[in-house]
Amino acid sequence: MTKARPGSTPRRGRLLALTALAAGLGATAWSLRDLPAAFGRRPDGEREERVRNSPQYRDGVFHNAPSELARAGSTPDFDRDTVRRMLFQREGRVPALPVPTMRPAPATGPAAEGVEITWYGHASALVEIEGSRVLLDPVWSDRCSPSAHVGPKRLHPVPVELEELPPVDAVLISHDHYDHLDMATVKRLVRSQSAPFAVPLGIGGHLRRWGVPEHRIIELDWDETCTLGELVLTLTSAHHFSGRGLTRNTTLWGSWVIAGPSRKVFYTGDSGYFEGYARIGEQHGPFDAALVQIGAYDAAWADIHMTPEDAVLAHRDLGAGLLVPVHWCTFNLGLHPWAEPIERLVKEAKTQAVPLAVPRPGERVDVDNPPELDGWWEAVS
């Protein structure tokens, strides 16, 4: 038997260790390869002048409108107590059983002539209004994060593949946070759809970096409108913030009025409760339905996310008919139990006599004939 030379085993061990380290670093580098692109791009060139001229823009960033109603939150940053609760108070923040989803029936014809809403989970939804289709804040990735390997992971599968959606007339984005604007989803939509992206000021920079053609980008300031055939889309205000990296508020955020020839739908995007809802209701309402944010609230960010009770207040201010809750169920982004937003909303809506529909992800709601509440979330929470 040939004896190993003295020192060969340690050398071999070091070689194996270095090989493993190199492989690990390579895997890490591969997993992070899309990070720079996912961060997007700030406005540039002549578009920057339009940003600078916005009434919402000063001192190099966008600002919320002054508000006496917006509840004081600490800041969008996490303070020490918030971080502690996020790390150690995790009970109940995910459902105990799988979330039920419904696969939408294939769209074989034109969009609904009335108003129908299909919620896909979190804030992603399809609004059909008088023959037009509008896709809201589409996020089809497994995580709402700049990385495909870390960050909040989806709690239920997407009800339908993105490429199976029917042709849409517009894709609306409310703001550039990762749970509302997803690079991978945008790139897939560039290939599978031909509709324009209507976005708040500055977000066009992200879309250009991700390969969206210039003719498919419509950037709007608050109270600006674009018309696509019989479809009229108006960007309205919200009380929130923006940012995909270390800098904040270099792009605008907002809510959306979606109007057909005679019917209207409102989408809040993310926002704290503020005077803007009453003003939007006066200027653009009444609405047949409103998709209203109800989840990921906390005292630490009370000025930028509504509680379920705030959502009912906003809905009433808007003069809306049916309330369809969004921004819950799909990603664990808050510090409250998973089912708490919908439980509180149902209670408050009943108290205030507000009509409410709570679809399963993938379920289609006819606004003129909404389904009765069946408490489906109770069986899985």
Protein backbone atom coordinates (compact mmCIF):
# COMPACT_ATOMS: atom_id res chain seq x y z
CA MET A 1 0.00 0.00 0.00
CA THR A 2 1.34 3.39 -0.93
CA LYS A 3 1.55 5.78 1.96
CA ALA A 4 0.25 9.30 1.59
CA ARG A 5 2.96 11.86 1.54
CA PRO A 6 3.19 13.88 4.76
CA GLY A 7 1.05 17.03 4.47
CA SER A 8 -0.93 15.85 1.43
CA THR A 9 -4.19 15.34 3.35
CA PRO A 10 -4.28 18.88 4.80
CA ARG A 11 -3.48 20.27 1.34
CA ARG A 12 -6.27 18.20 -0.18
CA GLY A 13 -8.61 19.38 2.58
CA ARG A 14 -7.71 22.99 1.93
CA LEU A 15 -8.24 22.46 -1.78
CA LEU A 16 -11.67 20.95 -1.17
CA ALA A 17 -12.55 23.76 1.19
CA LEU A 18 -11.47 26.38 -1.33
CA THR A 19 -13.43 24.61 -4.05
CA ALA A 20 -16.53 24.56 -1.85
CA LEU A 21 -16.05 28.23 -0.99
CA ALA A 22 -15.66 29.14 -4.65
CA ALA A 23 -18.80 27.16 -5.51
CA GLY A 24 -20.69 28.89 -2.71
CA LEU A 25 -19.53 32.32 -3.82
CA GLY A 26 -20.43 31.45 -7.39
CA ALA A 27 -23.91 30.37 -6.35
CA THR A 28 -24.32 33.55 -4.33
CA ALA A 29 -23.13 35.69 -7.22
CA TRP A 30 -25.52 33.85 -9.56
CA SER A 31 -28.45 34.41 -7.18
CA LEU A 32 -27.61 38.12 -6.94
CA ARG A 33 -26.96 38.69 -10.63
CA ASP A 34 -30.31 40.44 -11.22
CA LEU A 35 -30.07 42.76 -8.21
CA PRO A 36 -28.70 45.83 -10.02
CA ALA A 37 -31.39 45.64 -12.69
CA ALA A 38 -34.15 44.94 -10.15
CA PHE A 39 -33.32 48.19 -8.35
CA GLY A 40 -34.45 50.00 -11.50
CA ARG A 41 -33.27 53.41 -12.66
CA ARG A 42 -33.89 56.97 -11.64
CA PRO A 43 -35.50 59.39 -14.12
CA ASP A 44 -33.08 60.75 -16.65
CA GLY A 45 -32.75 63.16 -19.54
CA GLU A 46 -35.71 65.28 -20.53
CA ARG A 47 -38.01 63.23 -18.29
CA GLU A 48 -36.14 64.52 -15.27
CA GLU A 49 -37.32 68.04 -16.10
CA ARG A 50 -40.92 66.84 -15.97
CA VAL A 51 -40.22 65.27 -12.59
CA ARG A 52 -38.66 68.50 -11.28
CA ASN A 53 -41.69 70.49 -12.44
CA SER A 54 -44.17 68.34 -10.55
CA PRO A 55 -46.01 70.15 -7.72
CA GLN A 56 -45.25 67.06 -5.61
CA TYR A 57 -41.48 67.33 -6.13
CA ARG A 58 -39.04 69.48 -4.13
CA ASP A 59 -35.60 69.15 -2.60
CA GLY A 60 -34.83 66.21 -4.88
CA VAL A 61 -37.74 63.95 -3.86
CA PHE A 62 -41.51 63.56 -4.08
CA HIS A 63 -43.70 64.44 -1.09
CA ASN A 64 -47.14 63.58 0.20
CA ALA A 65 -49.76 66.30 0.20
CA PRO A 66 -50.17 68.03 3.57
CA SER A 67 -52.73 66.19 5.68
CA GLU A 68 -54.43 66.74 9.02
CA LEU A 69 -56.13 63.34 8.90
CA ALA A 70 -53.11 61.13 8.21
CA ARG A 71 -52.36 59.30 11.43
CA ALA A 72 -48.85 59.88 12.73
CA GLY A 73 -46.53 56.96 12.16
CA SER A 74 -42.93 56.82 13.28
CA THR A 75 -41.41 56.51 9.79
CA PRO A 76 -41.35 53.90 7.02
CA ASP A 77 -38.07 52.73 8.58
CA PHE A 78 -38.09 49.92 11.12
CA ASP A 79 -37.25 51.07 14.64
CA ARG A 80 -35.77 48.67 17.20
CA ASP A 81 -39.16 47.62 18.61
CA THR A 82 -40.58 46.94 15.16
CA VAL A 83 -37.59 44.78 14.24
CA ARG A 84 -37.92 42.87 17.51
CA ARG A 85 -41.60 42.16 16.90
CA MET A 86 -40.92 41.15 13.32
CA LEU A 87 -38.23 38.66 14.38
CA PHE A 88 -39.80 37.17 17.48
CA GLN A 89 -43.58 37.67 17.31
CA ARG A 90 -44.36 35.43 14.38
CA GLU A 91 -47.30 33.41 15.67
CA GLY A 92 -50.28 33.34 13.35
CA ARG A 93 -48.68 35.43 10.60
CA VAL A 94 -49.06 32.69 8.01
CA PRO A 95 -52.15 30.51 7.43
CA ALA A 96 -52.23 27.11 9.13
CA LEU A 97 -53.57 25.37 6.02
CA PRO A 98 -53.19 26.00 2.26
CA VAL A 99 -55.00 29.07 0.95
CA PRO A 100 -57.76 28.00 -1.46
CA THR A 101 -57.42 29.41 -4.97
CA MET A 102 -59.71 29.33 -7.97
CA ARG A 103 -58.56 28.97 -11.54
CA PRO A 104 -60.36 31.57 -13.68
CA ALA A 105 -62.25 30.25 -16.67
CA PRO A 106 -60.36 30.86 -19.93
CA ALA A 107 -61.34 34.15 -21.54
CA THR A 108 -62.64 33.28 -24.97
CA GLY A 109 -64.44 36.51 -25.82
CA PRO A 110 -64.44 40.24 -25.16
CA ALA A 111 -64.29 41.76 -21.69
CA ALA A 112 -67.40 42.01 -19.57
CA GLU A 113 -69.87 44.71 -20.57
CA GLY A 114 -70.56 45.48 -16.94
CA VAL A 115 -67.95 45.55 -14.17
CA GLU A 116 -66.16 42.39 -13.07
CA ILE A 117 -63.06 42.03 -10.89
CA THR A 118 -60.71 39.05 -10.66
CA TRP A 119 -58.35 39.18 -7.68
CA TYR A 120 -55.16 37.14 -8.06
CA GLY A 121 -53.82 37.77 -4.56
CA HIS A 122 -52.17 40.69 -2.72
CA ALA A 123 -52.74 43.77 -4.90
CA SER A 124 -52.80 42.06 -8.31
CA ALA A 125 -56.19 42.15 -10.01
CA LEU A 126 -57.93 42.33 -13.37
CA VAL A 127 -60.71 44.88 -13.78
CA GLU A 128 -63.15 44.38 -16.66
CA ILE A 129 -65.22 47.47 -17.29
CA GLU A 130 -67.61 47.99 -20.20
CA GLY A 131 -65.57 46.00 -22.69
CA SER A 132 -62.06 46.98 -21.49
CA ARG A 133 -59.57 45.09 -19.33
CA VAL A 134 -57.10 46.69 -16.92
CA LEU A 135 -54.41 44.77 -15.02
CA LEU A 136 -53.44 46.22 -11.62
CA ASP A 137 -50.01 45.93 -9.94
CA PRO A 138 -49.19 42.49 -11.38
CA VAL A 139 -46.72 40.43 -9.31
CA TRP A 140 -46.35 36.82 -10.48
CA SER A 141 -42.98 36.01 -8.91
CA ASP A 142 -42.60 33.66 -5.92
CA ARG A 143 -41.10 36.47 -3.84
CA CYS A 144 -41.71 40.21 -3.65
CA SER A 145 -38.03 41.09 -3.47
CA PRO A 146 -35.14 42.20 -5.69
CA SER A 147 -33.84 38.62 -5.36
CA ALA A 148 -35.54 35.39 -6.39
CA HIS A 149 -33.95 33.62 -3.40
CA VAL A 150 -34.61 35.86 -0.38
CA GLY A 151 -37.49 38.01 0.77
CA PRO A 152 -41.21 37.48 1.49
CA LYS A 153 -42.37 34.29 -0.21
CA ARG A 154 -45.77 33.72 -1.74
CA LEU A 155 -48.24 31.96 0.61
CA HIS A 156 -50.30 30.48 -2.21
CA PRO A 157 -49.60 29.71 -5.87
CA VAL A 158 -50.68 32.11 -8.57
CA PRO A 159 -54.20 31.10 -9.67
CA VAL A 160 -53.32 31.34 -13.38
CA GLU A 161 -50.12 31.74 -15.36
CA LEU A 162 -49.40 35.24 -16.59
CA GLU A 163 -49.29 34.13 -20.23
CA GLU A 164 -52.82 32.73 -19.90
CA LEU A 165 -54.36 36.12 -19.13
CA PRO A 166 -56.57 37.57 -21.86
CA PRO A 167 -55.34 40.61 -23.79
CA VAL A 168 -55.53 43.70 -21.61
CA ASP A 169 -55.92 47.34 -22.58
CA ALA A 170 -53.63 48.76 -19.90
CA VAL A 171 -51.32 47.73 -17.05
CA LEU A 172 -51.55 50.12 -14.10
CA ILE A 173 -48.82 50.49 -11.47
CA SER A 174 -49.51 52.33 -8.20
CA HIS A 175 -45.90 52.69 -6.98
CA ASP A 176 -42.51 51.04 -7.25
CA HIS A 177 -42.30 48.85 -4.12
CA TYR A 178 -41.46 45.23 -4.85
CA ASP A 179 -44.88 43.89 -3.90
CA HIS A 180 -46.45 46.13 -6.56
CA LEU A 181 -43.82 46.38 -9.29
CA ASP A 182 -41.94 43.20 -10.16
CA MET A 183 -39.19 43.17 -12.78
CA ALA A 184 -39.68 39.54 -13.85
CA THR A 185 -43.43 40.04 -14.27
CA VAL A 186 -42.90 43.20 -16.31
CA LYS A 187 -40.49 41.40 -18.63
CA ARG A 188 -43.00 38.60 -19.16
CA LEU A 189 -45.75 41.11 -19.90
CA VAL A 190 -43.57 42.78 -22.52
CA ARG A 191 -43.60 39.45 -24.37
CA SER A 192 -47.15 38.27 -23.68
CA GLN A 193 -49.11 41.53 -23.94
CA SER A 194 -49.08 44.63 -26.13
CA ALA A 195 -50.84 47.02 -23.73
CA PRO A 196 -49.21 50.20 -22.41
CA PHE A 197 -48.00 50.57 -18.82
CA ALA A 198 -49.57 53.59 -17.12
CA VAL A 199 -47.39 54.60 -14.16
CA PRO A 200 -46.69 57.50 -11.78
CA LEU A 201 -43.91 59.93 -12.70
CA GLY A 202 -40.41 58.48 -12.59
CA ILE A 203 -41.37 54.81 -12.80
CA GLY A 204 -40.80 54.93 -16.53
CA GLY A 205 -37.07 54.82 -15.74
CA HIS A 206 -37.47 51.37 -14.20
CA LEU A 207 -39.51 50.14 -17.16
CA ARG A 208 -37.00 51.40 -19.72
CA ARG A 209 -34.19 49.57 -17.96
CA TRP A 210 -36.26 46.37 -18.10
CA GLY A 211 -36.89 46.59 -21.84
CA VAL A 212 -40.35 48.11 -22.05
CA PRO A 213 -40.60 49.98 -25.38
CA GLU A 214 -41.01 53.74 -25.14
CA HIS A 215 -44.37 53.69 -26.91
CA ARG A 216 -45.74 51.44 -24.16
CA ILE A 217 -44.90 53.79 -21.28
CA ILE A 218 -47.34 56.44 -20.06
CA GLU A 219 -46.11 58.49 -17.07
CA LEU A 220 -48.60 60.65 -15.18
CA ASP A 221 -48.59 63.10 -12.31
CA TRP A 222 -51.48 63.31 -9.86
CA ASP A 223 -54.75 64.35 -11.51
CA GLU A 224 -53.42 63.67 -15.01
CA THR A 225 -55.43 61.47 -17.35
CA CYS A 226 -54.80 59.25 -20.33
CA THR A 227 -57.50 58.00 -22.70
CA LEU A 228 -57.31 54.64 -24.45
CA GLY A 229 -60.34 54.29 -26.67
CA GLU A 230 -63.36 54.42 -24.34
CA LEU A 231 -61.19 53.77 -21.30
CA VAL A 232 -60.15 56.81 -19.23
CA LEU A 233 -57.43 56.37 -16.59
CA THR A 234 -56.61 59.04 -14.02
CA LEU A 235 -53.75 58.94 -11.54
CA THR A 236 -54.95 60.32 -8.22
CA SER A 237 -53.18 60.99 -4.94
CA ALA A 238 -52.18 58.61 -2.16
CA HIS A 239 -50.38 59.06 1.17
CA HIS A 240 -47.40 56.72 0.88
CA PHE A 241 -43.75 56.66 -0.26
CA SER A 242 -41.55 54.93 -2.85
CA GLY A 243 -38.15 53.33 -3.29
CA ARG A 244 -36.45 50.12 -4.39
CA GLY A 245 -33.01 50.64 -2.83
CA LEU A 246 -31.29 52.95 -0.39
CA THR A 247 -32.83 56.13 -1.82
CA ARG A 248 -36.47 57.00 -1.37
CA ASN A 249 -39.17 59.00 -3.09
CA THR A 250 -37.40 59.57 -6.40
CA THR A 251 -40.54 58.20 -8.08
CA LEU A 252 -44.16 59.17 -7.44
CA TRP A 253 -46.89 56.96 -5.94
CA GLY A 254 -50.64 57.14 -6.43
CA SER A 255 -54.09 55.64 -6.76
CA TRP A 256 -56.17 55.08 -9.90
CA VAL A 257 -59.57 56.00 -11.27
CA ILE A 258 -60.63 53.53 -13.96
CA ALA A 259 -63.55 54.86 -16.01
CA GLY A 260 -65.56 53.41 -18.85
CA PRO A 261 -68.27 55.29 -20.74
CA SER A 262 -70.67 55.17 -17.76
CA ARG A 263 -69.10 53.12 -14.95
CA LYS A 264 -66.12 53.59 -12.65
CA VAL A 265 -63.76 51.61 -10.41
CA PHE A 266 -61.23 52.98 -7.93
CA TYR A 267 -57.98 51.38 -6.75
CA THR A 268 -56.26 52.81 -3.66
CA GLY A 269 -52.77 51.43 -4.17
CA ASP A 270 -51.00 51.72 -0.80
CA SER A 271 -51.90 54.66 1.39
CA GLY A 272 -52.66 55.90 4.84
CA TYR A 273 -56.09 57.37 5.45
CA PHE A 274 -56.16 61.05 4.43
CA GLU A 275 -58.32 63.85 3.02
CA GLY A 276 -57.58 62.78 -0.52
CA TYR A 277 -60.31 60.13 -0.53
CA ALA A 278 -63.09 62.63 0.04
CA ARG A 279 -61.62 64.89 -2.63
CA ILE A 280 -61.34 62.01 -5.13
CA GLY A 281 -64.90 61.01 -4.37
CA GLU A 282 -66.13 64.54 -5.05
CA GLN A 283 -64.15 64.93 -8.27
CA HIS A 284 -64.45 61.45 -9.78
CA GLY A 285 -67.12 59.48 -7.92
CA PRO A 286 -69.37 57.77 -7.34
CA PHE A 287 -67.71 54.43 -8.05
CA ASP A 288 -69.32 51.09 -8.76
CA ALA A 289 -66.55 49.38 -6.78
CA ALA A 290 -63.29 50.13 -5.01
CA LEU A 291 -60.30 47.86 -4.48
CA VAL A 292 -59.03 48.99 -1.10
CA GLN A 293 -55.78 48.15 0.73
CA ILE A 294 -56.42 46.49 4.11
CA GLY A 295 -53.25 44.63 5.16
CA ALA A 296 -49.70 45.21 6.48
CA TYR A 297 -50.79 47.94 8.89
CA ASP A 298 -49.06 48.83 12.14
CA ALA A 299 -48.81 51.79 14.49
CA ALA A 300 -45.23 52.29 13.25
CA TRP A 301 -46.46 53.10 9.75
CA ALA A 302 -50.01 54.34 10.38
CA ASP A 303 -49.54 57.23 7.93
CA ILE A 304 -48.72 55.00 4.95
CA HIS A 305 -50.96 51.89 5.34
CA MET A 306 -54.62 51.83 6.28
CA THR A 307 -56.15 49.62 8.93
CA PRO A 308 -59.32 47.71 7.95
CA GLU A 309 -61.37 50.36 9.76
CA ASP A 310 -59.57 53.07 7.78
CA ALA A 311 -60.39 51.16 4.60
CA VAL A 312 -64.11 51.40 5.36
CA LEU A 313 -63.76 55.13 6.07
CA ALA A 314 -61.96 55.64 2.77
CA HIS A 315 -64.55 53.59 0.91
CA ARG A 316 -67.36 55.73 2.29
CA ASP A 317 -65.46 58.95 1.47
CA LEU A 318 -65.06 57.77 -2.10
CA GLY A 319 -68.78 57.18 -2.55
CA ALA A 320 -68.07 53.65 -3.71
CA GLY A 321 -70.48 50.74 -3.98
CA LEU A 322 -68.86 47.33 -3.54
CA LEU A 323 -65.68 47.08 -1.46
CA VAL A 324 -63.16 44.48 -2.66
CA PRO A 325 -60.25 44.18 -0.18
CA VAL A 326 -56.69 43.81 -1.49
CA HIS A 327 -53.14 43.83 -0.09
CA TRP A 328 -53.62 40.85 2.18
CA CYS A 329 -53.46 37.01 2.08
CA THR A 330 -50.54 36.44 -0.32
CA PHE A 331 -47.33 37.76 1.31
CA ASN A 332 -46.40 38.01 4.97
CA LEU A 333 -45.57 41.72 5.09
CA GLY A 334 -47.17 42.84 8.36
CA LEU A 335 -46.87 42.09 12.05
CA HIS A 336 -50.50 41.12 12.57
CA PRO A 337 -52.02 37.61 12.29
CA TRP A 338 -52.71 36.49 8.73
CA ALA A 339 -56.52 36.60 8.94
CA GLU A 340 -56.82 39.67 11.16
CA PRO A 341 -57.24 42.21 8.30
CA ILE A 342 -60.22 40.41 6.80
CA GLU A 343 -61.79 39.62 10.16
CA ARG A 344 -61.66 43.28 11.20
CA LEU A 345 -62.85 44.44 7.79
CA VAL A 346 -65.90 42.16 7.79
CA LYS A 347 -66.89 43.39 11.24
CA GLU A 348 -66.49 47.08 10.36
CA ALA A 349 -68.18 46.77 6.96
CA LYS A 350 -71.17 45.14 8.63
CA THR A 351 -71.33 47.89 11.24
CA GLN A 352 -71.18 50.59 8.56
CA ALA A 353 -73.51 48.74 6.12
CA VAL A 354 -70.84 48.70 3.41
CA PRO A 355 -71.35 46.04 0.68
CA LEU A 356 -68.37 43.68 0.68
CA ALA A 357 -67.03 40.87 -1.52
CA VAL A 358 -64.09 38.73 -0.35
CA PRO A 359 -63.03 36.53 -3.26
CA ARG A 360 -60.57 33.68 -3.08
CA PRO A 361 -57.43 34.33 -5.14
CA GLY A 362 -58.46 33.76 -8.74
CA GLU A 363 -62.18 34.23 -8.12
CA ARG A 364 -64.11 36.53 -10.43
CA VAL A 365 -66.60 38.98 -8.88
CA ASP A 366 -69.54 40.40 -10.80
CA VAL A 367 -69.96 43.78 -9.15
CA ASP A 368 -73.67 43.82 -9.99
CA ASN A 369 -74.19 40.36 -8.48
CA PRO A 370 -71.43 39.78 -5.92
CA PRO A 371 -71.07 36.45 -4.07
CA GLU A 372 -72.24 36.18 -0.50
CA LEU A 373 -69.59 36.13 2.22
CA ASP A 374 -68.76 32.52 3.08
CA GLY A 375 -65.86 32.99 5.50
CA TRP A 376 -63.48 30.82 3.48
CA TRP A 377 -60.45 32.27 5.33
CA GLU A 378 -61.71 30.91 8.67
CA ALA A 379 -61.03 27.32 7.62
CA VAL A 380 -57.33 27.94 6.88
CA SER A 381 -56.28 30.54 9.45
